[in-house]
Amino acid sequence: EYESAKDEQAFVEGRITTLETMIRFAEIIDNEGADSDEVTIGKTVIFVELPDGDEEEYMIVGSAEADPFSGKISNDSPIARALIGKKINDEVTISTPGGDMQVKITEVKNS
């Protein structure tokens, strides 16, 4: 029981250190100056795959917040890297491990 408590304490202290580091290096993302139709961190982008027309929607977030199963992708992901800086109606080629895909941005929303 004592060893278990020590292990748990070590885990918690490690997590505290990780969180303190994240807070120390955190940056506030201000999209006030960005074009409303430009893809940036903190915005939700909707695009259609070409030529199929399958629609996908993702919110671009920092790596610590990423959760692809709930539609939040890291700004470091191949999809986000290809989309950041692009605007509505831009056609973009996204290189993914599964191959290249061509998409057209249809909407950009503030999240």
Foldseek 3Di string as FASTA:
>chain_A
DVVVVVVVVVVVVVVVVVVVVCVVPDDDDDCPPPDQFFDDAQKKWWKAWPPVRHIAIAHEHDPVPADVVVRYHYCPAQVNVQRGGDGAQDWTWGQDPVGIIIIGIHGMHRD
